[in-house]
PDB file of N, CA and C in Angstrom:
ATOM      1  N   UNK A   1      37.261   3.561   2.949  1.00  0.00           N
ATOM      2  CA  UNK A   1      36.351   3.505   3.652  1.00  0.00           C
ATOM      3  C   UNK A   1      35.644   5.095   3.825  1.00  0.00           C
ATOM      4  N   UNK A   2      34.130   4.640   3.589  1.00  0.00           N
ATOM      5  CA  UNK A   2      32.814   5.563   3.813  1.00  0.00           C
ATOM      6  C   UNK A   2      32.117   5.593   4.470  1.00  0.00           C
ATOM      7  N   UNK A   3      31.769   5.961   5.476  1.00  0.00           N
ATOM      8  CA  UNK A   3      30.447   6.257   6.431  1.00  0.00           C
ATOM      9  C   UNK A   3      30.143   7.159   6.280  1.00  0.00           C
ATOM     10  N   UNK A   4      28.447   6.228   6.288  1.00  0.00           N
ATOM     11  CA  UNK A   4      27.467   6.943   6.143  1.00  0.00           C
ATOM     12  C   UNK A   4      26.390   7.322   7.472  1.00  0.00           C
ATOM     13  N   UNK A   5      25.810   8.944   7.719  1.00  0.00           N
ATOM     14  CA  UNK A   5      24.956   9.004   9.203  1.00  0.00           C
ATOM     15  C   UNK A   5      23.572   9.343   7.935  1.00  0.00           C
ATOM     16  N   UNK A   6      22.707   9.046   8.329  1.00  0.00           N
ATOM     17  CA  UNK A   6      21.390   9.008   8.482  1.00  0.00           C
ATOM     18  C   UNK A   6      20.369  10.313   9.761  1.00  0.00           C
ATOM     19  N   UNK A   7      19.742  10.562   9.046  1.00  0.00           N
ATOM     20  CA  UNK A   7      18.999  11.026  10.101  1.00  0.00           C
ATOM     21  C   UNK A   7      17.273  11.451   9.331  1.00  0.00           C
ATOM     22  N   UNK A   8      16.203  11.609  10.250  1.00  0.00           N
ATOM     23  CA  UNK A   8      15.191  12.375   9.864  1.00  0.00           C
ATOM     24  C   UNK A   8      13.662  11.608   9.986  1.00  0.00           C
ATOM     25  N   UNK A   9      13.994  10.128  10.767  1.00  0.00           N
ATOM     26  CA  UNK A   9      13.363   9.465  10.397  1.00  0.00           C
ATOM     27  C   UNK A   9      12.571   9.659  11.813  1.00  0.00           C
ATOM     28  N   UNK A  10      11.398   8.746  11.710  1.00  0.00           N
ATOM     29  CA  UNK A  10      10.585   8.757  12.344  1.00  0.00           C
ATOM     30  C   UNK A  10       8.805   8.603  12.420  1.00  0.00           C
ATOM     31  N   UNK A  11       7.836   8.597  12.952  1.00  0.00           N
ATOM     32  CA  UNK A  11       6.745   8.218  13.389  1.00  0.00           C
ATOM     33  C   UNK A  11       5.529   9.342  12.015  1.00  0.00           C
ATOM     34  N   UNK A  12       4.822   9.211  11.790  1.00  0.00           N
ATOM     35  CA  UNK A  12       4.110  10.508  10.700  1.00  0.00           C
ATOM     36  C   UNK A  12       2.960   9.228  10.708  1.00  0.00           C
ATOM     37  N   UNK A  13       1.947  10.496  10.369  1.00  0.00           N
ATOM     38  CA  UNK A  13       0.519  10.085   9.960  1.00  0.00           C
ATOM     39  C   UNK A  13       0.297   9.658   8.936  1.00  0.00           C
ATOM     40  N   UNK A  14      -0.144   8.728   7.981  1.00  0.00           N
ATOM     41  CA  UNK A  14      -0.605   9.198   6.536  1.00  0.00           C
ATOM     42  C   UNK A  14      -1.173  10.427   5.814  1.00  0.00           C
ATOM     43  N   UNK A  15      -0.251  10.644   4.947  1.00  0.00           N
ATOM     44  CA  UNK A  15      -0.491  11.758   3.601  1.00  0.00           C
ATOM     45  C   UNK A  15       0.339  12.525   4.424  1.00  0.00           C
ATOM     46  N   UNK A  16       1.058  12.326   5.430  1.00  0.00           N
ATOM     47  CA  UNK A  16       2.188  13.437   5.884  1.00  0.00           C
ATOM     48  C   UNK A  16       3.415  13.445   5.412  1.00  0.00           C
ATOM     49  N   UNK A  17       4.226  13.715   5.458  1.00  0.00           N
ATOM     50  CA  UNK A  17       6.022  14.029   4.470  1.00  0.00           C
ATOM     51  C   UNK A  17       7.086  13.870   5.924  1.00  0.00           C
ATOM     52  N   UNK A  18       7.313  13.157   5.591  1.00  0.00           N
ATOM     53  CA  UNK A  18       9.330  13.638   6.473  1.00  0.00           C
ATOM     54  C   UNK A  18      10.465  13.688   5.429  1.00  0.00           C
ATOM     55  N   UNK A  19      11.287  14.042   5.976  1.00  0.00           N
ATOM     56  CA  UNK A  19      12.554  14.198   4.879  1.00  0.00           C
ATOM     57  C   UNK A  19      13.827  13.714   5.244  1.00  0.00           C
ATOM     58  N   UNK A  20      14.168  12.285   5.069  1.00  0.00           N
ATOM     59  CA  UNK A  20      15.095  11.705   5.234  1.00  0.00           C
ATOM     60  C   UNK A  20      16.405  12.724   5.074  1.00  0.00           C
ATOM     61  N   UNK A  21      17.932  12.393   5.401  1.00  0.00           N
ATOM     62  CA  UNK A  21      18.989  12.779   4.991  1.00  0.00           C
ATOM     63  C   UNK A  21      20.011  12.131   5.405  1.00  0.00           C
ATOM     64  N   UNK A  22      21.635  12.333   4.520  1.00  0.00           N
ATOM     65  CA  UNK A  22      22.152  11.260   4.641  1.00  0.00           C
ATOM     66  C   UNK A  22      23.534  11.914   4.544  1.00  0.00           C
ATOM     67  N   UNK A  23      24.837  11.775   5.101  1.00  0.00           N
ATOM     68  CA  UNK A  23      25.731  12.695   5.064  1.00  0.00           C
ATOM     69  C   UNK A  23      26.938  11.692   4.506  1.00  0.00           C
ATOM     70  N   UNK A  24      27.720  11.526   3.473  1.00  0.00           N
ATOM     71  CA  UNK A  24      28.976  10.472   3.388  1.00  0.00           C
ATOM     72  C   UNK A  24      30.048  11.357   3.728  1.00  0.00           C
ATOM     73  N   UNK A  25      31.245  10.568   4.521  1.00  0.00           N
ATOM     74  CA  UNK A  25      32.498  11.266   4.932  1.00  0.00           C
ATOM     75  C   UNK A  25      33.564   9.923   4.824  1.00  0.00           C
ATOM     76  N   UNK A  26      34.696   9.890   4.517  1.00  0.00           N
ATOM     77  CA  UNK A  26      35.863   9.154   4.660  1.00  0.00           C
ATOM     78  C   UNK A  26      36.501   9.542   2.969  1.00  0.00           C
ATOM     79  N   UNK A  27      36.097   8.204   2.785  1.00  0.00           N
ATOM     80  CA  UNK A  27      37.006   7.929   1.143  1.00  0.00           C
ATOM     81  C   UNK A  27      35.423   8.677   0.183  1.00  0.00           C
ATOM     82  N   UNK A  28      35.111   9.975  -0.207  1.00  0.00           N
ATOM     83  CA  UNK A  28      34.233   9.846  -0.433  1.00  0.00           C
ATOM     84  C   UNK A  28      34.707  10.611  -2.195  1.00  0.00           C
ATOM     85  N   UNK A  29      36.001  10.783  -2.568  1.00  0.00           N
ATOM     86  CA  UNK A  29      36.306  10.828  -3.871  1.00  0.00           C
ATOM     87  C   UNK A  29      35.109  10.072  -4.807  1.00  0.00           C
ATOM     88  N   UNK A  30      34.715   9.837  -5.930  1.00  0.00           N
ATOM     89  CA  UNK A  30      34.235   9.016  -6.897  1.00  0.00           C
ATOM     90  C   UNK A  30      33.241   8.558  -6.557  1.00  0.00           C
ATOM     91  N   UNK A  31      32.579   9.273  -5.953  1.00  0.00           N
ATOM     92  CA  UNK A  31      31.399   9.031  -5.421  1.00  0.00           C
ATOM     93  C   UNK A  31      29.893   8.874  -6.916  1.00  0.00           C
ATOM     94  N   UNK A  32      29.496   7.794  -7.692  1.00  0.00           N
ATOM     95  CA  UNK A  32      28.801   7.587  -9.038  1.00  0.00           C
ATOM     96  C   UNK A  32      27.158   7.761  -7.846  1.00  0.00           C
ATOM     97  N   UNK A  33      26.489   6.675  -7.689  1.00  0.00           N
ATOM     98  CA  UNK A  33      25.145   6.645  -7.373  1.00  0.00           C
ATOM     99  C   UNK A  33      24.954   6.996  -5.590  1.00  0.00           C
ATOM    100  N   UNK A  34      23.889   7.715  -5.451  1.00  0.00           N
ATOM    101  CA  UNK A  34      23.633   7.854  -3.552  1.00  0.00           C
ATOM    102  C   UNK A  34      22.115   7.362  -4.024  1.00  0.00           C
ATOM    103  N   UNK A  35      21.981   7.293  -3.248  1.00  0.00           N
ATOM    104  CA  UNK A  35      20.382   6.896  -2.961  1.00  0.00           C
ATOM    105  C   UNK A  35      20.154   5.954  -1.461  1.00  0.00           C
ATOM    106  N   UNK A  36      18.620   5.611  -1.789  1.00  0.00           N
ATOM    107  CA  UNK A  36      17.904   5.177  -0.536  1.00  0.00           C
ATOM    108  C   UNK A  36      17.095   3.526  -1.144  1.00  0.00           C
ATOM    109  N   UNK A  37      17.428   2.451   0.251  1.00  0.00           N
ATOM    110  CA  UNK A  37      16.811   1.492  -0.632  1.00  0.00           C
ATOM    111  C   UNK A  37      16.125   1.561   1.341  1.00  0.00           C
ATOM    112  N   UNK A  38      14.847   0.147   0.850  1.00  0.00           N
ATOM    113  CA  UNK A  38      13.626   0.591   2.004  1.00  0.00           C
ATOM    114  C   UNK A  38      13.980  -1.103   2.649  1.00  0.00           C
ATOM    115  N   UNK A  39      13.778  -1.449   3.757  1.00  0.00           N
ATOM    116  CA  UNK A  39      13.651  -3.006   4.321  1.00  0.00           C
ATOM    117  C   UNK A  39      12.554  -2.824   4.851  1.00  0.00           C
ATOM    118  N   UNK A  40      11.601  -4.286   4.992  1.00  0.00           N
ATOM    119  CA  UNK A  40      11.245  -4.545   5.659  1.00  0.00           C
ATOM    120  C   UNK A  40      10.654  -6.015   6.311  1.00  0.00           C
ATOM    121  N   UNK A  41      10.075  -6.161   7.598  1.00  0.00           N
ATOM    122  CA  UNK A  41      10.728  -8.151   7.740  1.00  0.00           C
ATOM    123  C   UNK A  41      10.158  -8.558   6.955  1.00  0.00           C
ATOM    124  N   UNK A  42      10.959  -9.480   6.677  1.00  0.00           N
ATOM    125  CA  UNK A  42      10.562 -10.942   5.680  1.00  0.00           C
ATOM    126  C   UNK A  42      10.823 -10.352   4.595  1.00  0.00           C
ATOM    127  N   UNK A  43      10.890  -9.278   4.062  1.00  0.00           N
ATOM    128  CA  UNK A  43      11.212  -9.092   2.779  1.00  0.00           C
ATOM    129  C   UNK A  43      12.761  -8.449   2.825  1.00  0.00           C
ATOM    130  N   UNK A  44      12.973  -8.644   1.261  1.00  0.00           N
ATOM    131  CA  UNK A  44      14.339  -8.069   0.722  1.00  0.00           C
ATOM    132  C   UNK A  44      14.373  -6.418   0.156  1.00  0.00           C
ATOM    133  N   UNK A  45      15.821  -5.837   0.784  1.00  0.00           N
ATOM    134  CA  UNK A  45      15.695  -4.409   0.158  1.00  0.00           C
ATOM    135  C   UNK A  45      15.359  -4.451  -0.721  1.00  0.00           C
ATOM    136  N   UNK A  46      14.585  -2.868  -1.478  1.00  0.00           N
ATOM    137  CA  UNK A  46      13.981  -3.064  -1.885  1.00  0.00           C
ATOM    138  C   UNK A  46      14.895  -1.706  -2.733  1.00  0.00           C
ATOM    139  N   UNK A  47      14.885  -1.115  -3.979  1.00  0.00           N
ATOM    140  CA  UNK A  47      15.838   0.329  -3.881  1.00  0.00           C
ATOM    141  C   UNK A  47      14.852   1.537  -4.196  1.00  0.00           C
ATOM    142  N   UNK A  48      14.582   2.646  -3.257  1.00  0.00           N
ATOM    143  CA  UNK A  48      13.439   3.549  -3.566  1.00  0.00           C
ATOM    144  C   UNK A  48      13.733   4.738  -4.469  1.00  0.00           C
ATOM    145  N   UNK A  49      15.310   5.134  -4.311  1.00  0.00           N
ATOM    146  CA  UNK A  49      15.504   6.561  -4.749  1.00  0.00           C
ATOM    147  C   UNK A  49      17.190   5.971  -5.424  1.00  0.00           C
ATOM    148  N   UNK A  50      17.421   6.619  -6.567  1.00  0.00           N
ATOM    149  CA  UNK A  50      19.001   6.610  -6.705  1.00  0.00           C
ATOM    150  C   UNK A  50      19.321   7.650  -7.298  1.00  0.00           C
ATOM    151  N   UNK A  51      20.661   8.585  -7.371  1.00  0.00           N
ATOM    152  CA  UNK A  51      20.770   9.684  -8.245  1.00  0.00           C
ATOM    153  C   UNK A  51      22.122   9.754  -8.867  1.00  0.00           C
ATOM    154  N   UNK A  52      22.480   9.691  -9.609  1.00  0.00           N
ATOM    155  CA  UNK A  52      23.928   9.924 -10.036  1.00  0.00           C
ATOM    156  C   UNK A  52      24.579  11.048 -10.088  1.00  0.00           C
ATOM    157  N   UNK A  53      25.698  11.351  -9.627  1.00  0.00           N
ATOM    158  CA  UNK A  53      26.627  12.509  -9.923  1.00  0.00           C
ATOM    159  C   UNK A  53      26.167  13.600 -10.565  1.00  0.00           C
ATOM    160  N   UNK A  54      25.400  12.982 -12.230  1.00  0.00           N
ATOM    161  CA  UNK A  54      24.964  14.169 -13.045  1.00  0.00           C
ATOM    162  C   UNK A  54      23.577  14.657 -12.323  1.00  0.00           C
ATOM    163  N   UNK A  55      22.863  13.757 -11.448  1.00  0.00           N
ATOM    164  CA  UNK A  55      21.369  14.355 -10.669  1.00  0.00           C
ATOM    165  C   UNK A  55      20.319  13.918 -12.042  1.00  0.00           C
ATOM    166  N   UNK A  56      20.421  12.585 -12.049  1.00  0.00           N
ATOM    167  CA  UNK A  56      19.900  12.070 -12.887  1.00  0.00           C
ATOM    168  C   UNK A  56      18.717  10.697 -11.825  1.00  0.00           C
ATOM    169  N   UNK A  57      18.008  10.648 -11.890  1.00  0.00           N
ATOM    170  CA  UNK A  57      17.082   9.704 -10.429  1.00  0.00           C
ATOM    171  C   UNK A  57      16.446   8.612 -11.294  1.00  0.00           C
ATOM    172  N   UNK A  58      16.349   7.831 -10.605  1.00  0.00           N
ATOM    173  CA  UNK A  58      15.113   6.912 -10.761  1.00  0.00           C
ATOM    174  C   UNK A  58      14.526   6.267  -9.717  1.00  0.00           C
ATOM    175  N   UNK A  59      13.433   5.930  -9.391  1.00  0.00           N
ATOM    176  CA  UNK A  59      12.475   5.710  -8.172  1.00  0.00           C
ATOM    177  C   UNK A  59      11.946   4.722  -8.519  1.00  0.00           C
ATOM    178  N   UNK A  60      11.570   3.719  -7.221  1.00  0.00           N
ATOM    179  CA  UNK A  60      10.665   2.788  -7.323  1.00  0.00           C
ATOM    180  C   UNK A  60       9.170   2.967  -7.875  1.00  0.00           C
ATOM    181  N   UNK A  61       8.882   2.678  -8.511  1.00  0.00           N
ATOM    182  CA  UNK A  61       7.236   2.753  -9.094  1.00  0.00           C
ATOM    183  C   UNK A  61       6.013   2.952  -7.950  1.00  0.00           C
ATOM    184  N   UNK A  62       6.365   2.410  -6.720  1.00  0.00           N
ATOM    185  CA  UNK A  62       5.288   2.879  -5.634  1.00  0.00           C
ATOM    186  C   UNK A  62       5.414   4.512  -4.918  1.00  0.00           C
ATOM    187  N   UNK A  63       7.166   4.850  -5.613  1.00  0.00           N
ATOM    188  CA  UNK A  63       7.144   5.776  -4.526  1.00  0.00           C
ATOM    189  C   UNK A  63       6.821   7.049  -6.232  1.00  0.00           C
ATOM    190  N   UNK A  64       6.787   7.070  -6.897  1.00  0.00           N
ATOM    191  CA  UNK A  64       7.247   7.970  -7.681  1.00  0.00           C
ATOM    192  C   UNK A  64       6.131   8.907  -8.061  1.00  0.00           C
ATOM    193  N   UNK A  65       6.075  10.270  -7.481  1.00  0.00           N
ATOM    194  CA  UNK A  65       5.042  11.151  -7.467  1.00  0.00           C
ATOM    195  C   UNK A  65       5.299  11.264  -6.331  1.00  0.00           C
ATOM    196  N   UNK A  66       5.642  11.057  -5.230  1.00  0.00           N
ATOM    197  CA  UNK A  66       5.666  11.056  -3.832  1.00  0.00           C
ATOM    198  C   UNK A  66       6.981  11.632  -3.000  1.00  0.00           C
ATOM    199  N   UNK A  67       8.024  10.778  -3.584  1.00  0.00           N
ATOM    200  CA  UNK A  67       9.081  11.084  -3.167  1.00  0.00           C
ATOM    201  C   UNK A  67      10.011  11.593  -4.469  1.00  0.00           C
ATOM    202  N   UNK A  68      11.035  12.377  -3.917  1.00  0.00           N
ATOM    203  CA  UNK A  68      11.878  13.585  -4.595  1.00  0.00           C
ATOM    204  C   UNK A  68      13.107  13.230  -3.438  1.00  0.00           C
ATOM    205  N   UNK A  69      14.549  12.552  -4.266  1.00  0.00           N
ATOM    206  CA  UNK A  69      16.029  12.642  -4.027  1.00  0.00           C
ATOM    207  C   UNK A  69      16.477  13.893  -4.783  1.00  0.00           C
ATOM    208  N   UNK A  70      17.752  14.528  -3.760  1.00  0.00           N
ATOM    209  CA  UNK A  70      18.071  15.674  -4.323  1.00  0.00           C
ATOM    210  C   UNK A  70      19.274  15.344  -3.798  1.00  0.00           C
ATOM    211  N   UNK A  71      20.463  15.940  -3.786  1.00  0.00           N
ATOM    212  CA  UNK A  71      22.003  15.537  -3.267  1.00  0.00           C
ATOM    213  C   UNK A  71      22.842  16.932  -3.942  1.00  0.00           C
ATOM    214  N   UNK A  72      23.386  16.599  -2.756  1.00  0.00           N
ATOM    215  CA  UNK A  72      24.646  18.076  -2.629  1.00  0.00           C
ATOM    216  C   UNK A  72      25.990  17.278  -3.069  1.00  0.00           C
ATOM    217  N   UNK A  73      26.961  17.399  -4.146  1.00  0.00           N
ATOM    218  CA  UNK A  73      28.014  17.056  -4.181  1.00  0.00           C
ATOM    219  C   UNK A  73      28.814  17.763  -3.725  1.00  0.00           C
ATOM    220  N   UNK A  74      29.290  18.745  -3.008  1.00  0.00           N
ATOM    221  CA  UNK A  74      29.757  19.556  -2.477  1.00  0.00           C
ATOM    222  C   UNK A  74      29.955  19.142  -1.355  1.00  0.00           C
ATOM    223  N   UNK A  75      28.892  18.334  -0.779  1.00  0.00           N
ATOM    224  CA  UNK A  75      28.858  18.342   0.761  1.00  0.00           C
ATOM    225  C   UNK A  75      28.434  16.338   0.797  1.00  0.00           C
ATOM    226  N   UNK A  76      28.660  16.007  -0.159  1.00  0.00           N
ATOM    227  CA  UNK A  76      28.089  14.593  -0.031  1.00  0.00           C
ATOM    228  C   UNK A  76      27.101  14.377   0.008  1.00  0.00           C
ATOM    229  N   UNK A  77      25.733  14.612   0.373  1.00  0.00           N
ATOM    230  CA  UNK A  77      24.913  14.515   0.818  1.00  0.00           C
ATOM    231  C   UNK A  77      23.719  13.925  -0.047  1.00  0.00           C
ATOM    232  N   UNK A  78      23.172  13.771   0.409  1.00  0.00           N
ATOM    233  CA  UNK A  78      21.892  13.465  -0.346  1.00  0.00           C
ATOM    234  C   UNK A  78      20.564  12.652   0.285  1.00  0.00           C
ATOM    235  N   UNK A  79      19.310  13.395   0.814  1.00  0.00           N
ATOM    236  CA  UNK A  79      18.441  13.904   0.746  1.00  0.00           C
ATOM    237  C   UNK A  79      16.810  12.731   0.006  1.00  0.00           C
ATOM    238  N   UNK A  80      15.982  12.675   1.132  1.00  0.00           N
ATOM    239  CA  UNK A  80      14.527  12.464   0.190  1.00  0.00           C
ATOM    240  C   UNK A  80      13.533  12.842   0.968  1.00  0.00           C
ATOM    241  N   UNK A  81      13.032  13.597   0.449  1.00  0.00           N
ATOM    242  CA  UNK A  81      11.613  13.797   0.958  1.00  0.00           C
ATOM    243  C   UNK A  81      10.928  13.306   0.461  1.00  0.00           C
ATOM    244  N   UNK A  82      10.127  12.988   1.359  1.00  0.00           N
ATOM    245  CA  UNK A  82       8.512  11.795   1.342  1.00  0.00           C
ATOM    246  C   UNK A  82       7.661  12.783   1.313  1.00  0.00           C
ATOM    247  N   UNK A  83       6.789  12.807   0.551  1.00  0.00           N
ATOM    248  CA  UNK A  83       5.024  13.378   0.749  1.00  0.00           C
ATOM    249  C   UNK A  83       4.473  12.112   0.874  1.00  0.00           C
ATOM    250  N   UNK A  84       2.793  12.668   1.435  1.00  0.00           N
ATOM    251  CA  UNK A  84       2.090  11.827   0.927  1.00  0.00           C
ATOM    252  C   UNK A  84       2.056  10.048   1.028  1.00  0.00           C
ATOM    253  N   UNK A  85       2.719  10.258   2.425  1.00  0.00           N
ATOM    254  CA  UNK A  85       3.461   8.880   2.986  1.00  0.00           C
ATOM    255  C   UNK A  85       1.685   7.903   3.501  1.00  0.00           C
ATOM    256  N   UNK A  86       2.212   6.654   2.971  1.00  0.00           N
ATOM    257  CA  UNK A  86       1.227   5.737   3.696  1.00  0.00           C
ATOM    258  C   UNK A  86       1.804   4.445   4.132  1.00  0.00           C
ATOM    259  N   UNK A  87      -0.090   4.111   4.518  1.00  0.00           N
ATOM    260  CA  UNK A  87       1.438   3.224   6.313  1.00  0.00           C
ATOM    261  C   UNK A  87       2.678   1.735   5.432  1.00  0.00           C
ATOM    262  N   UNK A  88       1.868   1.548   4.127  1.00  0.00           N
ATOM    263  CA  UNK A  88       2.930   0.855   3.415  1.00  0.00           C
ATOM    264  C   UNK A  88       4.076   1.554   3.345  1.00  0.00           C
ATOM    265  N   UNK A  89       4.493   2.404   2.908  1.00  0.00           N
ATOM    266  CA  UNK A  89       5.713   2.840   3.129  1.00  0.00           C
ATOM    267  C   UNK A  89       6.517   2.870   4.445  1.00  0.00           C
ATOM    268  N   UNK A  90       6.270   2.181   5.592  1.00  0.00           N
ATOM    269  CA  UNK A  90       6.548   1.480   7.008  1.00  0.00           C
ATOM    270  C   UNK A  90       7.966   0.998   6.423  1.00  0.00           C
ATOM    271  N   UNK A  91       9.232   0.737   6.881  1.00  0.00           N
ATOM    272  CA  UNK A  91      10.073   0.570   6.362  1.00  0.00           C
ATOM    273  C   UNK A  91      11.442   0.869   7.465  1.00  0.00           C
ATOM    274  N   UNK A  92      12.660   0.116   7.550  1.00  0.00           N
ATOM    275  CA  UNK A  92      13.421   0.764   7.948  1.00  0.00           C
ATOM    276  C   UNK A  92      14.300   0.889   6.431  1.00  0.00           C
ATOM    277  N   UNK A  93      14.591   2.785   5.961  1.00  0.00           N
ATOM    278  CA  UNK A  93      15.856   3.088   4.934  1.00  0.00           C
ATOM    279  C   UNK A  93      17.052   3.413   5.295  1.00  0.00           C
ATOM    280  N   UNK A  94      17.617   2.877   3.974  1.00  0.00           N
ATOM    281  CA  UNK A  94      18.911   3.162   4.476  1.00  0.00           C
ATOM    282  C   UNK A  94      19.058   3.286   3.231  1.00  0.00           C
ATOM    283  N   UNK A  95      20.096   4.358   3.585  1.00  0.00           N
ATOM    284  CA  UNK A  95      21.353   5.238   2.647  1.00  0.00           C
ATOM    285  C   UNK A  95      22.494   4.498   2.104  1.00  0.00           C
ATOM    286  N   UNK A  96      22.753   4.854   0.857  1.00  0.00           N
ATOM    287  CA  UNK A  96      23.894   4.006  -0.074  1.00  0.00           C
ATOM    288  C   UNK A  96      24.818   4.948  -0.751  1.00  0.00           C
ATOM    289  N   UNK A  97      25.670   4.871  -0.732  1.00  0.00           N
ATOM    290  CA  UNK A  97      26.426   4.862  -1.981  1.00  0.00           C
ATOM    291  C   UNK A  97      27.789   3.939  -2.695  1.00  0.00           C
ATOM    292  N   UNK A  98      26.887   4.487  -3.798  1.00  0.00           N
ATOM    293  CA  UNK A  98      28.137   3.585  -4.823  1.00  0.00           C
ATOM    294  C   UNK A  98      29.936   4.184  -5.211  1.00  0.00           C
ATOM    295  N   UNK A  99      30.838   3.890  -5.316  1.00  0.00           N
ATOM    296  CA  UNK A  99      31.013   4.410  -5.836  1.00  0.00           C
ATOM    297  C   UNK A  99      32.715   3.368  -6.716  1.00  0.00           C
ATOM    298  N   UNK A 100      33.862   4.386  -7.316  1.00  0.00           N
ATOM    299  CA  UNK A 100      35.043   3.539  -7.819  1.00  0.00           C
ATOM    300  C   UNK A 100      36.237   3.773  -7.417  1.00  0.00           C
ATOM    301  N   UNK A 101      36.880   2.405  -7.577  1.00  0.00           N
ATOM    302  CA  UNK A 101      38.397   3.614  -6.523  1.00  0.00           C
ATOM    303  C   UNK A 101      39.138   2.431  -7.388  1.00  0.00           C
ATOM    304  N   UNK A 102      40.122   3.339  -8.063  1.00  0.00           N
ATOM    305  CA  UNK A 102      41.300   2.202  -9.054  1.00  0.00           C
ATOM    306  C   UNK A 102      40.757   0.379  -9.638  1.00  0.00           C
ATOM    307  N   UNK A 103      39.246   1.557 -10.505  1.00  0.00           N
ATOM    308  CA  UNK A 103      38.531   0.074 -11.479  1.00  0.00           C
ATOM    309  C   UNK A 103      37.899  -0.868 -10.431  1.00  0.00           C
ATOM    310  N   UNK A 104      37.414  -0.679  -9.034  1.00  0.00           N
ATOM    311  CA  UNK A 104      36.735  -1.309  -8.431  1.00  0.00           C
ATOM    312  C   UNK A 104      35.386  -0.677  -7.508  1.00  0.00           C
ATOM    313  N   UNK A 105      34.797  -1.409  -7.995  1.00  0.00           N
ATOM    314  CA  UNK A 105      32.617  -1.132  -7.943  1.00  0.00           C
ATOM    315  C   UNK A 105      32.917  -1.613  -5.571  1.00  0.00           C
ATOM    316  N   UNK A 106      32.129  -0.370  -5.540  1.00  0.00           N
ATOM    317  CA  UNK A 106      32.118  -0.414  -4.276  1.00  0.00           C
ATOM    318  C   UNK A 106      31.177   0.002  -3.449  1.00  0.00           C
ATOM    319  N   UNK A 107      29.978  -0.372  -2.255  1.00  0.00           N
ATOM    320  CA  UNK A 107      28.656  -0.194  -2.134  1.00  0.00           C
ATOM    321  C   UNK A 107      28.951  -0.153  -0.405  1.00  0.00           C
ATOM    322  N   UNK A 108      28.371   1.267   0.105  1.00  0.00           N
ATOM    323  CA  UNK A 108      28.643   1.378   1.921  1.00  0.00           C
ATOM    324  C   UNK A 108      27.265   1.392   1.825  1.00  0.00           C
ATOM    325  N   UNK A 109      26.563   1.781   2.828  1.00  0.00           N
ATOM    326  CA  UNK A 109      25.430   1.507   3.244  1.00  0.00           C
ATOM    327  C   UNK A 109      25.356   2.171   5.400  1.00  0.00           C
ATOM    328  N   UNK A 110      24.455   3.043   5.460  1.00  0.00           N
ATOM    329  CA  UNK A 110      24.087   3.333   6.696  1.00  0.00           C
ATOM    330  C   UNK A 110      23.355   2.516   7.010  1.00  0.00           C
ATOM    331  N   UNK A 111      23.153   2.774   8.618  1.00  0.00           N
ATOM    332  CA  UNK A 111      22.934   1.823   9.484  1.00  0.00           C
ATOM    333  C   UNK A 111      21.153   1.749   9.250  1.00  0.00           C
ATOM    334  N   UNK A 112      20.480   2.526   9.110  1.00  0.00           N
ATOM    335  CA  UNK A 112      19.130   2.573   8.817  1.00  0.00           C
ATOM    336  C   UNK A 112      18.390   3.265   9.665  1.00  0.00           C
ATOM    337  N   UNK A 113      17.248   3.867   9.387  1.00  0.00           N
ATOM    338  CA  UNK A 113      16.589   5.237   9.615  1.00  0.00           C
ATOM    339  C   UNK A 113      15.279   4.471   9.776  1.00  0.00           C
ATOM    340  N   UNK A 114      14.304   4.255  10.854  1.00  0.00           N
ATOM    341  CA  UNK A 114      13.265   3.816  10.233  1.00  0.00           C
ATOM    342  C   UNK A 114      11.949   4.666  10.298  1.00  0.00           C
ATOM    343  N   UNK A 115      11.418   4.401   9.610  1.00  0.00           N
ATOM    344  CA  UNK A 115       9.707   5.370   9.130  1.00  0.00           C
ATOM    345  C   UNK A 115       8.799   4.387   9.467  1.00  0.00           C
ATOM    346  N   UNK A 116       8.400   5.195  10.390  1.00  0.00           N
ATOM    347  CA  UNK A 116       6.704   4.492  10.205  1.00  0.00           C
ATOM    348  C   UNK A 116       5.199   5.194  10.211  1.00  0.00           C
ATOM    349  N   UNK A 117       4.701   4.841   9.372  1.00  0.00           N
ATOM    350  CA  UNK A 117       3.588   5.158   8.731  1.00  0.00           C
ATOM    351  C   UNK A 117       2.468   5.164   9.803  1.00  0.00           C
ATOM    352  N   UNK A 118       1.333   5.672  10.154  1.00  0.00           N
ATOM    353  CA  UNK A 118       0.026   5.303  10.806  1.00  0.00           C
ATOM    354  C   UNK A 118      -0.810   5.275  10.253  1.00  0.00           C
ATOM    355  N   UNK A 119      -1.536   4.902  10.377  1.00  0.00           N
ATOM    356  CA  UNK A 119      -2.816   5.187   9.606  1.00  0.00           C
ATOM    357  C   UNK A 119      -4.032   5.757  10.192  1.00  0.00           C
TER     358      UNK A 119
END
């Protein structure tokens, strides 16, 4: 089992910045990808940013150039620096990890942290 604890959400004005952080604990060996999804009411959860254990990143087109994901493999943490925030970035942001154990792939999710961007 893996437990994820997120922090850093809140209310910010458009154009502002926030930094989300997520710490993984438990059976955290063999983590492959860590990252963030977000979800708004009535919509599917969408990928925001993903970062592999080798440091490769993948971003949603809507956040490229504004958001930056980073990861500390030694501490099993992942962060998301969000700059130039827009009202449409308002969502609940979920941290996730993807890992392999004995040939099986697992996903774990945090409880989510709310980001509200006011116009």
